Amino acid sequence: MDRLFEWDEMKAVSNYRKQQRGWKDVNMRTKIVRKRLADLPPLTEEQKAELQALAERPDSEIDTSDIPELTEEFWKNAVRGRFYKPTKTSTTVRIDSDVLAWLRSQGKGYQSRINAILRREMLASLKNG
């Protein structure tokens, strides 16, 4: 499968604004650059040799002194999928008018609330088997 990498310049500008960086740091051009893995230049012999040498190196030779040890305490507080963000799919769903009115009456974000309710039910169903 060919992976597609995208760079959205306007999204970068928006992120810079949110982070309150100076205008001199912001490039205002609108440009999306796409690269496919198949379009990247092939590895040189030197790069291939370096990767091979790294692959052959035993784990005992890898310096992990700058990585903190993960203790049992860490794993007790770990949350599965904390940073997982599923893709969204546009669809049409028929919902009872009173249910939709109730969701909309709670303010902006009724579609997100629908998704949260459905996700909660899906996870409960999966948990209960």
Protein backbone atom coordinates (compact mmCIF):
# COMPACT_ATOMS: atom_id res chain seq x y z
CA MET A 1 0.00 0.00 0.00
CA ASP A 2 1.28 3.43 -0.93
CA ARG A 3 1.16 5.95 1.91
CA LEU A 4 0.38 9.58 1.21
CA PHE A 5 1.97 12.37 3.24
CA GLU A 6 0.43 15.84 3.05
CA TRP A 7 1.53 19.26 4.25
CA ASP A 8 -1.21 21.88 4.43
CA GLU A 9 0.38 25.32 4.62
CA MET A 10 -2.83 27.05 5.76
CA LYS A 11 -3.20 24.52 8.60
CA ALA A 12 0.36 25.32 9.60
CA VAL A 13 -0.50 29.02 9.61
CA SER A 14 -3.56 28.34 11.78
CA ASN A 15 -1.43 26.34 14.22
CA TYR A 16 1.14 29.15 14.38
CA ARG A 17 -1.63 31.63 15.19
CA LYS A 18 -2.98 29.41 17.97
CA GLN A 19 0.52 29.20 19.44
CA GLN A 20 0.83 33.02 19.22
CA ARG A 21 4.01 33.05 17.20
CA GLY A 22 5.15 36.19 15.40
CA TRP A 23 4.07 36.90 11.83
CA LYS A 24 7.66 36.70 10.63
CA ASP A 25 7.56 32.96 11.42
CA VAL A 26 4.47 32.38 9.29
CA ASN A 27 4.62 31.55 5.61
CA MET A 28 1.32 32.76 4.11
CA ARG A 29 1.44 30.76 0.88
CA THR A 30 -1.30 28.21 0.31
CA LYS A 31 0.42 25.07 -0.85
CA ILE A 32 -0.09 21.37 -0.29
CA VAL A 33 2.90 19.14 -0.94
CA ARG A 34 2.22 15.44 -1.52
CA LYS A 35 4.84 12.70 -1.54
CA ARG A 36 4.32 8.98 -1.95
CA LEU A 37 6.80 6.50 -0.53
CA ALA A 38 7.22 5.07 -4.03
CA ASP A 39 8.24 8.55 -5.28
CA LEU A 40 11.04 8.99 -2.76
CA PRO A 41 14.59 8.48 -4.05
CA PRO A 42 16.04 5.02 -3.44
CA LEU A 43 18.43 4.50 -0.53
CA THR A 44 22.10 4.85 -1.30
CA GLU A 45 24.44 1.92 -0.68
CA GLU A 46 25.83 3.81 2.32
CA GLN A 47 22.33 4.23 3.80
CA LYS A 48 21.54 0.55 3.20
CA ALA A 49 24.80 -0.48 4.92
CA GLU A 50 24.02 1.75 7.91
CA LEU A 51 20.53 0.26 8.27
CA GLN A 52 21.91 -3.26 7.98
CA ALA A 53 24.51 -2.53 10.68
CA LEU A 54 21.81 -1.19 12.99
CA ALA A 55 19.58 -4.21 12.36
CA GLU A 56 22.41 -6.58 13.23
CA ARG A 57 23.32 -4.76 16.45
CA PRO A 58 22.21 -6.70 19.57
CA ASP A 59 19.78 -4.98 21.95
CA SER A 60 22.38 -5.08 24.72
CA GLU A 61 24.49 -2.54 22.77
CA ILE A 62 21.68 0.02 22.56
CA ASP A 63 22.13 2.89 25.03
CA THR A 64 18.77 3.47 26.75
CA SER A 65 20.13 5.60 29.60
CA ASP A 66 18.14 8.63 28.40
CA ILE A 67 14.84 6.71 28.48
CA PRO A 68 13.10 6.40 31.86
CA GLU A 69 12.32 2.90 33.10
CA LEU A 70 8.60 2.06 32.90
CA THR A 71 7.54 0.80 36.31
CA GLU A 72 4.47 -1.17 37.38
CA GLU A 73 3.11 2.13 38.79
CA PHE A 74 3.24 3.66 35.30
CA TRP A 75 1.26 0.78 33.82
CA LYS A 76 -1.36 0.97 36.61
CA ASN A 77 -2.26 4.49 35.46
CA ALA A 78 -1.92 3.82 31.71
CA VAL A 79 -4.98 4.41 29.54
CA ARG A 80 -5.45 2.37 26.36
CA GLY A 81 -6.13 4.46 23.27
CA ARG A 82 -5.80 7.82 25.03
CA PHE A 83 -4.46 9.53 21.91
CA TYR A 84 -6.41 7.43 19.40
CA LYS A 85 -8.46 9.55 17.01
CA PRO A 86 -10.62 7.52 14.65
CA THR A 87 -11.38 8.72 11.15
CA LYS A 88 -14.78 10.26 10.50
CA THR A 89 -17.22 9.06 7.83
CA SER A 90 -20.05 11.19 6.52
CA THR A 91 -23.40 9.40 6.50
CA THR A 92 -27.14 10.03 6.55
CA VAL A 93 -29.12 8.73 9.53
CA ARG A 94 -32.84 8.97 10.20
CA ILE A 95 -33.42 10.12 13.80
CA ASP A 96 -36.71 10.75 15.57
CA SER A 97 -37.54 14.46 15.53
CA ASP A 98 -37.88 14.72 19.31
CA VAL A 99 -34.48 13.05 19.84
CA LEU A 100 -32.82 15.44 17.38
CA ALA A 101 -34.56 18.44 18.99
CA TRP A 102 -33.29 17.32 22.40
CA LEU A 103 -29.72 16.94 21.12
CA ARG A 104 -29.80 20.35 19.41
CA SER A 105 -31.33 22.02 22.48
CA GLN A 106 -28.12 21.30 24.39
CA GLY A 107 -26.20 23.71 22.16
CA LYS A 108 -23.50 23.51 19.56
CA GLY A 109 -21.97 20.10 18.85
CA TYR A 110 -25.03 17.88 18.64
CA GLN A 111 -23.34 15.64 16.03
CA SER A 112 -20.40 15.10 18.38
CA ARG A 113 -22.87 14.22 21.14
CA ILE A 114 -24.56 11.68 18.86
CA ASN A 115 -21.15 10.15 18.15
CA ALA A 116 -20.24 10.09 21.87
CA ILE A 117 -23.53 8.36 22.75
CA LEU A 118 -23.06 5.77 20.01
CA ARG A 119 -19.41 5.19 20.96
CA ARG A 120 -20.34 4.70 24.62
CA GLU A 121 -22.95 2.10 23.63
CA MET A 122 -20.55 0.40 21.22
CA LEU A 123 -17.82 0.11 23.88
CA ALA A 124 -20.32 -1.20 26.45
CA SER A 125 -21.53 -3.80 23.97
CA LEU A 126 -17.97 -4.87 23.14
CA LYS A 127 -17.07 -5.07 26.84
CA ASN A 128 -20.10 -7.25 27.64
CA GLY A 129 -19.43 -9.52 24.68
